[in-house]
Amino acid sequence: MSTEVVRLDENGRLYLPVSLRKKLKVKEFYVEERNGEIVLIPVRKKIEKYWGIVKGEKLNARRLTELLRKRRKSS
């Protein structure tokens, strides 16, 4: 586990250090707030959690979110 200090720019963007980007090799994250903390979850991990719910779909963060919303509404 590594810890580094990062800052938001004037447009609210957060830049991940190159060491983390190279290590994770991920470009899409879900952003969650948990108990006052910001948590970034690689989309790949979120998709693995729901593996098998949808078959034959090309999933990215937006598409997975849409499918999960539809599933929750129909439940």
PDB file of N, CA and C in Angstrom:
ATOM      1  N   MET A   1       0.850  -1.178   0.000  1.00  0.00           N
ATOM      2  CA  MET A   1       0.000   0.000   0.000  1.00  0.00           C
ATOM      3  C   MET A   1       0.890   1.234   0.000  1.00  0.00           C
ATOM      4  N   SER A   2       0.565   2.164  -0.896  1.00  0.00           N
ATOM      5  CA  SER A   2       1.358   3.384  -0.948  1.00  0.00           C
ATOM      6  C   SER A   2       0.480   4.585  -0.626  1.00  0.00           C
ATOM      7  N   THR A   3       1.085   5.594  -0.069  1.00  0.00           N
ATOM      8  CA  THR A   3       0.364   6.814   0.288  1.00  0.00           C
ATOM      9  C   THR A   3       1.100   7.995  -0.296  1.00  0.00           C
ATOM     10  N   GLU A   4       0.366   8.837  -1.015  1.00  0.00           N
ATOM     11  CA  GLU A   4       0.930  10.058  -1.581  1.00  0.00           C
ATOM     12  C   GLU A   4      -0.093  11.165  -1.432  1.00  0.00           C
ATOM     13  N   VAL A   5       0.371  12.386  -1.355  1.00  0.00           N
ATOM     14  CA  VAL A   5      -0.517  13.535  -1.276  1.00  0.00           C
ATOM     15  C   VAL A   5      -0.775  14.034  -2.685  1.00  0.00           C
ATOM     16  N   VAL A   6      -2.056  14.241  -3.014  1.00  0.00           N
ATOM     17  CA  VAL A   6      -2.441  14.803  -4.309  1.00  0.00           C
ATOM     18  C   VAL A   6      -3.367  15.982  -4.049  1.00  0.00           C
ATOM     19  N   ARG A   7      -3.469  16.867  -5.021  1.00  0.00           N
ATOM     20  CA  ARG A   7      -4.333  18.034  -4.889  1.00  0.00           C
ATOM     21  C   ARG A   7      -5.315  18.100  -6.049  1.00  0.00           C
ATOM     22  N   LEU A   8      -6.457  18.706  -5.789  1.00  0.00           N
ATOM     23  CA  LEU A   8      -7.401  18.993  -6.857  1.00  0.00           C
ATOM     24  C   LEU A   8      -6.952  20.264  -7.561  1.00  0.00           C
ATOM     25  N   ASP A   9      -7.121  20.300  -8.889  1.00  0.00           N
ATOM     26  CA  ASP A   9      -6.815  21.544  -9.579  1.00  0.00           C
ATOM     27  C   ASP A   9      -8.031  22.460  -9.529  1.00  0.00           C
ATOM     28  N   GLU A  10      -7.940  23.623 -10.168  1.00  0.00           N
ATOM     29  CA  GLU A  10      -9.025  24.609 -10.093  1.00  0.00           C
ATOM     30  C   GLU A  10     -10.329  24.107 -10.735  1.00  0.00           C
ATOM     31  N   ASN A  11     -10.256  23.063 -11.552  1.00  0.00           N
ATOM     32  CA  ASN A  11     -11.449  22.476 -12.167  1.00  0.00           C
ATOM     33  C   ASN A  11     -11.946  21.237 -11.429  1.00  0.00           C
ATOM     34  N   GLY A  12     -11.356  20.927 -10.278  1.00  0.00           N
ATOM     35  CA  GLY A  12     -11.793  19.783  -9.486  1.00  0.00           C
ATOM     36  C   GLY A  12     -11.185  18.459  -9.914  1.00  0.00           C
ATOM     37  N   ARG A  13     -10.194  18.505 -10.801  1.00  0.00           N
ATOM     38  CA  ARG A  13      -9.561  17.261 -11.259  1.00  0.00           C
ATOM     39  C   ARG A  13      -8.495  16.814 -10.273  1.00  0.00           C
ATOM     40  N   LEU A  14      -8.426  15.516 -10.132  1.00  0.00           N
ATOM     41  CA  LEU A  14      -7.444  14.885  -9.254  1.00  0.00           C
ATOM     42  C   LEU A  14      -6.512  14.074 -10.135  1.00  0.00           C
ATOM     43  N   TYR A  15      -5.239  14.290 -10.004  1.00  0.00           N
ATOM     44  CA  TYR A  15      -4.272  13.553 -10.813  1.00  0.00           C
ATOM     45  C   TYR A  15      -3.611  12.477  -9.970  1.00  0.00           C
ATOM     46  N   LEU A  16      -3.710  11.246 -10.456  1.00  0.00           N
ATOM     47  CA  LEU A  16      -3.072  10.138  -9.757  1.00  0.00           C
ATOM     48  C   LEU A  16      -1.598  10.100 -10.118  1.00  0.00           C
ATOM     49  N   PRO A  17      -0.740   9.845  -9.141  1.00  0.00           N
ATOM     50  CA  PRO A  17       0.692   9.756  -9.426  1.00  0.00           C
ATOM     51  C   PRO A  17       0.988   8.651 -10.434  1.00  0.00           C
ATOM     52  N   VAL A  18       1.999   8.876 -11.257  1.00  0.00           N
ATOM     53  CA  VAL A  18       2.361   7.921 -12.305  1.00  0.00           C
ATOM     54  C   VAL A  18       2.652   6.535 -11.728  1.00  0.00           C
ATOM     55  N   SER A  19       3.218   6.481 -10.536  1.00  0.00           N
ATOM     56  CA  SER A  19       3.520   5.177  -9.927  1.00  0.00           C
ATOM     57  C   SER A  19       2.241   4.362  -9.718  1.00  0.00           C
ATOM     58  N   LEU A  20       1.155   5.009  -9.288  1.00  0.00           N
ATOM     59  CA  LEU A  20      -0.120   4.304  -9.108  1.00  0.00           C
ATOM     60  C   LEU A  20      -0.741   3.930 -10.448  1.00  0.00           C
ATOM     61  N   ARG A  21      -0.679   4.844 -11.410  1.00  0.00           N
ATOM     62  CA  ARG A  21      -1.258   4.551 -12.727  1.00  0.00           C
ATOM     63  C   ARG A  21      -0.578   3.352 -13.365  1.00  0.00           C
ATOM     64  N   LYS A  22       0.739   3.290 -13.266  1.00  0.00           N
ATOM     65  CA  LYS A  22       1.475   2.155 -13.845  1.00  0.00           C
ATOM     66  C   LYS A  22       1.156   0.857 -13.105  1.00  0.00           C
ATOM     67  N   LYS A  23       1.028   0.943 -11.804  1.00  0.00           N
ATOM     68  CA  LYS A  23       0.762  -0.246 -10.998  1.00  0.00           C
ATOM     69  C   LYS A  23      -0.645  -0.788 -11.257  1.00  0.00           C
ATOM     70  N   LEU A  24      -1.650   0.093 -11.299  1.00  0.00           N
ATOM     71  CA  LEU A  24      -3.039  -0.341 -11.444  1.00  0.00           C
ATOM     72  C   LEU A  24      -3.445  -0.625 -12.882  1.00  0.00           C
ATOM     73  N   LYS A  25      -2.860   0.081 -13.838  1.00  0.00           N
ATOM     74  CA  LYS A  25      -3.184  -0.087 -15.261  1.00  0.00           C
ATOM     75  C   LYS A  25      -4.690   0.016 -15.512  1.00  0.00           C
ATOM     76  N   VAL A  26      -5.322   0.992 -14.878  1.00  0.00           N
ATOM     77  CA  VAL A  26      -6.761   1.199 -14.986  1.00  0.00           C
ATOM     78  C   VAL A  26      -7.021   2.654 -15.324  1.00  0.00           C
ATOM     79  N   LYS A  27      -7.996   2.900 -16.193  1.00  0.00           N
ATOM     80  CA  LYS A  27      -8.323   4.274 -16.563  1.00  0.00           C
ATOM     81  C   LYS A  27      -9.721   4.694 -16.128  1.00  0.00           C
ATOM     82  N   GLU A  28     -10.551   3.752 -15.684  1.00  0.00           N
ATOM     83  CA  GLU A  28     -11.898   4.074 -15.235  1.00  0.00           C
ATOM     84  C   GLU A  28     -12.083   3.606 -13.797  1.00  0.00           C
ATOM     85  N   PHE A  29     -12.647   4.507 -12.996  1.00  0.00           N
ATOM     86  CA  PHE A  29     -12.883   4.223 -11.589  1.00  0.00           C
ATOM     87  C   PHE A  29     -14.300   4.623 -11.212  1.00  0.00           C
ATOM     88  N   TYR A  30     -14.867   3.910 -10.271  1.00  0.00           N
ATOM     89  CA  TYR A  30     -16.064   4.370  -9.595  1.00  0.00           C
ATOM     90  C   TYR A  30     -15.573   5.202  -8.424  1.00  0.00           C
ATOM     91  N   VAL A  31     -16.263   6.292  -8.133  1.00  0.00           N
ATOM     92  CA  VAL A  31     -15.919   7.141  -6.999  1.00  0.00           C
ATOM     93  C   VAL A  31     -17.039   6.996  -5.984  1.00  0.00           C
ATOM     94  N   GLU A  32     -16.661   6.605  -4.773  1.00  0.00           N
ATOM     95  CA  GLU A  32     -17.642   6.455  -3.700  1.00  0.00           C
ATOM     96  C   GLU A  32     -17.199   7.273  -2.495  1.00  0.00           C
ATOM     97  N   GLU A  33     -18.180   7.732  -1.747  1.00  0.00           N
ATOM     98  CA  GLU A  33     -17.912   8.411  -0.482  1.00  0.00           C
ATOM     99  C   GLU A  33     -18.269   7.430   0.617  1.00  0.00           C
ATOM    100  N   ARG A  34     -17.325   7.171   1.499  1.00  0.00           N
ATOM    101  CA  ARG A  34     -17.546   6.254   2.630  1.00  0.00           C
ATOM    102  C   ARG A  34     -17.057   6.917   3.906  1.00  0.00           C
ATOM    103  N   ASN A  35     -17.995   7.207   4.774  1.00  0.00           N
ATOM    104  CA  ASN A  35     -17.642   7.789   6.077  1.00  0.00           C
ATOM    105  C   ASN A  35     -16.719   8.989   5.951  1.00  0.00           C
ATOM    106  N   GLY A  36     -17.040   9.878   5.009  1.00  0.00           N
ATOM    107  CA  GLY A  36     -16.255  11.101   4.847  1.00  0.00           C
ATOM    108  C   GLY A  36     -14.965  10.929   4.075  1.00  0.00           C
ATOM    109  N   GLU A  37     -14.736   9.772   3.506  1.00  0.00           N
ATOM    110  CA  GLU A  37     -13.534   9.530   2.707  1.00  0.00           C
ATOM    111  C   GLU A  37     -13.923   9.257   1.261  1.00  0.00           C
ATOM    112  N   ILE A  38     -13.047   9.590   0.342  1.00  0.00           N
ATOM    113  CA  ILE A  38     -13.263   9.315  -1.071  1.00  0.00           C
ATOM    114  C   ILE A  38     -12.546   8.012  -1.406  1.00  0.00           C
ATOM    115  N   VAL A  39     -13.281   7.085  -2.027  1.00  0.00           N
ATOM    116  CA  VAL A  39     -12.722   5.790  -2.389  1.00  0.00           C
ATOM    117  C   VAL A  39     -12.818   5.627  -3.897  1.00  0.00           C
ATOM    118  N   LEU A  40     -11.710   5.301  -4.546  1.00  0.00           N
ATOM    119  CA  LEU A  40     -11.691   5.013  -5.974  1.00  0.00           C
ATOM    120  C   LEU A  40     -11.650   3.503  -6.150  1.00  0.00           C
ATOM    121  N   ILE A  41     -12.598   2.974  -6.920  1.00  0.00           N
ATOM    122  CA  ILE A  41     -12.660   1.534  -7.151  1.00  0.00           C
ATOM    123  C   ILE A  41     -12.484   1.283  -8.637  1.00  0.00           C
ATOM    124  N   PRO A  42     -11.437   0.561  -9.034  1.00  0.00           N
ATOM    125  CA  PRO A  42     -11.278   0.261 -10.451  1.00  0.00           C
ATOM    126  C   PRO A  42     -12.530  -0.407 -11.004  1.00  0.00           C
ATOM    127  N   VAL A  43     -12.991   0.033 -12.164  1.00  0.00           N
ATOM    128  CA  VAL A  43     -14.194  -0.526 -12.773  1.00  0.00           C
ATOM    129  C   VAL A  43     -14.077  -2.033 -12.898  1.00  0.00           C
ATOM    130  N   ARG A  44     -12.920  -2.520 -13.223  1.00  0.00           N
ATOM    131  CA  ARG A  44     -12.697  -3.962 -13.367  1.00  0.00           C
ATOM    132  C   ARG A  44     -13.150  -4.718 -12.117  1.00  0.00           C
ATOM    133  N   LYS A  45     -12.823  -4.212 -10.932  1.00  0.00           N
ATOM    134  CA  LYS A  45     -13.203  -4.892  -9.690  1.00  0.00           C
ATOM    135  C   LYS A  45     -14.710  -4.869  -9.485  1.00  0.00           C
ATOM    136  N   LYS A  46     -15.350  -3.767  -9.820  1.00  0.00           N
ATOM    137  CA  LYS A  46     -16.804  -3.661  -9.674  1.00  0.00           C
ATOM    138  C   LYS A  46     -17.488  -4.626 -10.637  1.00  0.00           C
ATOM    139  N   ILE A  47     -16.962  -4.731 -11.853  1.00  0.00           N
ATOM    140  CA  ILE A  47     -17.536  -5.646 -12.840  1.00  0.00           C
ATOM    141  C   ILE A  47     -17.393  -7.087 -12.367  1.00  0.00           C
ATOM    142  N   GLU A  48     -16.232  -7.442 -11.799  1.00  0.00           N
ATOM    143  CA  GLU A  48     -16.026  -8.803 -11.309  1.00  0.00           C
ATOM    144  C   GLU A  48     -17.055  -9.157 -10.246  1.00  0.00           C
ATOM    145  N   LYS A  49     -17.436  -8.181  -9.425  1.00  0.00           N
ATOM    146  CA  LYS A  49     -18.421  -8.410  -8.367  1.00  0.00           C
ATOM    147  C   LYS A  49     -19.760  -8.826  -8.962  1.00  0.00           C
ATOM    148  N   TYR A  50     -20.098  -8.286 -10.129  1.00  0.00           N
ATOM    149  CA  TYR A  50     -21.393  -8.557 -10.751  1.00  0.00           C
ATOM    150  C   TYR A  50     -21.281  -9.515 -11.933  1.00  0.00           C
ATOM    151  N   TRP A  51     -20.193 -10.235 -12.021  1.00  0.00           N
ATOM    152  CA  TRP A  51     -19.978 -11.164 -13.124  1.00  0.00           C
ATOM    153  C   TRP A  51     -21.130 -12.160 -13.197  1.00  0.00           C
ATOM    154  N   GLY A  52     -21.654 -12.362 -14.372  1.00  0.00           N
ATOM    155  CA  GLY A  52     -22.729 -13.313 -14.556  1.00  0.00           C
ATOM    156  C   GLY A  52     -24.120 -12.700 -14.573  1.00  0.00           C
ATOM    157  N   ILE A  53     -24.265 -11.445 -14.130  1.00  0.00           N
ATOM    158  CA  ILE A  53     -25.571 -10.787 -14.159  1.00  0.00           C
ATOM    159  C   ILE A  53     -25.997 -10.540 -15.599  1.00  0.00           C
ATOM    160  N   VAL A  54     -25.060 -10.062 -16.411  1.00  0.00           N
ATOM    161  CA  VAL A  54     -25.359  -9.798 -17.813  1.00  0.00           C
ATOM    162  C   VAL A  54     -24.383 -10.596 -18.662  1.00  0.00           C
ATOM    163  N   LYS A  55     -24.886 -11.148 -19.731  1.00  0.00           N
ATOM    164  CA  LYS A  55     -24.021 -11.950 -20.595  1.00  0.00           C
ATOM    165  C   LYS A  55     -23.949 -11.302 -21.961  1.00  0.00           C
ATOM    166  N   GLY A  56     -22.783 -11.343 -22.562  1.00  0.00           N
ATOM    167  CA  GLY A  56     -22.607 -10.831 -23.903  1.00  0.00           C
ATOM    168  C   GLY A  56     -22.576  -9.322 -24.006  1.00  0.00           C
ATOM    169  N   GLU A  57     -22.485  -8.630 -22.878  1.00  0.00           N
ATOM    170  CA  GLU A  57     -22.443  -7.168 -22.896  1.00  0.00           C
ATOM    171  C   GLU A  57     -20.999  -6.690 -22.906  1.00  0.00           C
ATOM    172  N   LYS A  58     -20.752  -5.639 -23.692  1.00  0.00           N
ATOM    173  CA  LYS A  58     -19.462  -4.957 -23.598  1.00  0.00           C
ATOM    174  C   LYS A  58     -19.642  -3.886 -22.539  1.00  0.00           C
ATOM    175  N   LEU A  59     -19.018  -4.080 -21.403  1.00  0.00           N
ATOM    176  CA  LEU A  59     -19.269  -3.203 -20.267  1.00  0.00           C
ATOM    177  C   LEU A  59     -18.170  -2.179 -20.064  1.00  0.00           C
ATOM    178  N   ASN A  60     -18.583  -0.957 -19.818  1.00  0.00           N
ATOM    179  CA  ASN A  60     -17.712   0.065 -19.289  1.00  0.00           C
ATOM    180  C   ASN A  60     -18.440   0.619 -18.071  1.00  0.00           C
ATOM    181  N   ALA A  61     -17.881   1.585 -17.411  1.00  0.00           N
ATOM    182  CA  ALA A  61     -18.475   2.087 -16.172  1.00  0.00           C
ATOM    183  C   ALA A  61     -19.898   2.588 -16.394  1.00  0.00           C
ATOM    184  N   ARG A  62     -20.107   3.343 -17.447  1.00  0.00           N
ATOM    185  CA  ARG A  62     -21.433   3.918 -17.697  1.00  0.00           C
ATOM    186  C   ARG A  62     -22.469   2.821 -17.972  1.00  0.00           C
ATOM    187  N   ARG A  63     -22.111   1.872 -18.822  1.00  0.00           N
ATOM    188  CA  ARG A  63     -23.045   0.801 -19.183  1.00  0.00           C
ATOM    189  C   ARG A  63     -23.374  -0.086 -17.978  1.00  0.00           C
ATOM    190  N   LEU A  64     -22.367  -0.401 -17.166  1.00  0.00           N
ATOM    191  CA  LEU A  64     -22.610  -1.210 -15.973  1.00  0.00           C
ATOM    192  C   LEU A  64     -23.545  -0.485 -15.020  1.00  0.00           C
ATOM    193  N   THR A  65     -23.341   0.803 -14.833  1.00  0.00           N
ATOM    194  CA  THR A  65     -24.201   1.580 -13.948  1.00  0.00           C
ATOM    195  C   THR A  65     -25.642   1.559 -14.444  1.00  0.00           C
ATOM    196  N   GLU A  66     -25.847   1.728 -15.749  1.00  0.00           N
ATOM    197  CA  GLU A  66     -27.196   1.678 -16.325  1.00  0.00           C
ATOM    198  C   GLU A  66     -27.856   0.323 -16.068  1.00  0.00           C
ATOM    199  N   LEU A  67     -27.121  -0.750 -16.324  1.00  0.00           N
ATOM    200  CA  LEU A  67     -27.673  -2.091 -16.135  1.00  0.00           C
ATOM    201  C   LEU A  67     -28.025  -2.365 -14.677  1.00  0.00           C
ATOM    202  N   LEU A  68     -27.180  -1.911 -13.756  1.00  0.00           N
ATOM    203  CA  LEU A  68     -27.448  -2.131 -12.333  1.00  0.00           C
ATOM    204  C   LEU A  68     -28.666  -1.337 -11.879  1.00  0.00           C
ATOM    205  N   ARG A  69     -28.832  -0.107 -12.391  1.00  0.00           N
ATOM    206  CA  ARG A  69     -30.017   0.692 -12.049  1.00  0.00           C
ATOM    207  C   ARG A  69     -31.290   0.006 -12.534  1.00  0.00           C
ATOM    208  N   LYS A  70     -31.256  -0.498 -13.772  1.00  0.00           N
ATOM    209  CA  LYS A  70     -32.425  -1.194 -14.323  1.00  0.00           C
ATOM    210  C   LYS A  70     -32.755  -2.427 -13.488  1.00  0.00           C
ATOM    211  N   ARG A  71     -31.726  -3.152 -13.093  1.00  0.00           N
ATOM    212  CA  ARG A  71     -31.941  -4.371 -12.306  1.00  0.00           C
ATOM    213  C   ARG A  71     -32.546  -4.046 -10.943  1.00  0.00           C
ATOM    214  N   ARG A  72     -32.058  -2.954 -10.311  1.00  0.00           N
ATOM    215  CA  ARG A  72     -32.603  -2.561  -8.995  1.00  0.00           C
ATOM    216  C   ARG A  72     -34.063  -2.133  -9.114  1.00  0.00           C
ATOM    217  N   LYS A  73     -34.403  -1.414 -10.183  1.00  0.00           N
ATOM    218  CA  LYS A  73     -35.784  -0.960 -10.371  1.00  0.00           C
ATOM    219  C   LYS A  73     -36.726  -2.125 -10.605  1.00  0.00           C
ATOM    220  N   SER A  74     -36.256  -3.155 -11.286  1.00  0.00           N
ATOM    221  CA  SER A  74     -37.121  -4.294 -11.583  1.00  0.00           C
ATOM    222  C   SER A  74     -37.235  -5.263 -10.401  1.00  0.00           C
ATOM    223  N   SER A  75     -36.384  -5.095  -9.412  1.00  0.00           N
ATOM    224  CA  SER A  75     -36.419  -6.006  -8.226  1.00  0.00           C
ATOM    225  C   SER A  75     -37.473  -5.606  -7.225  1.00  0.00           C
TER     226      SER A  75
END
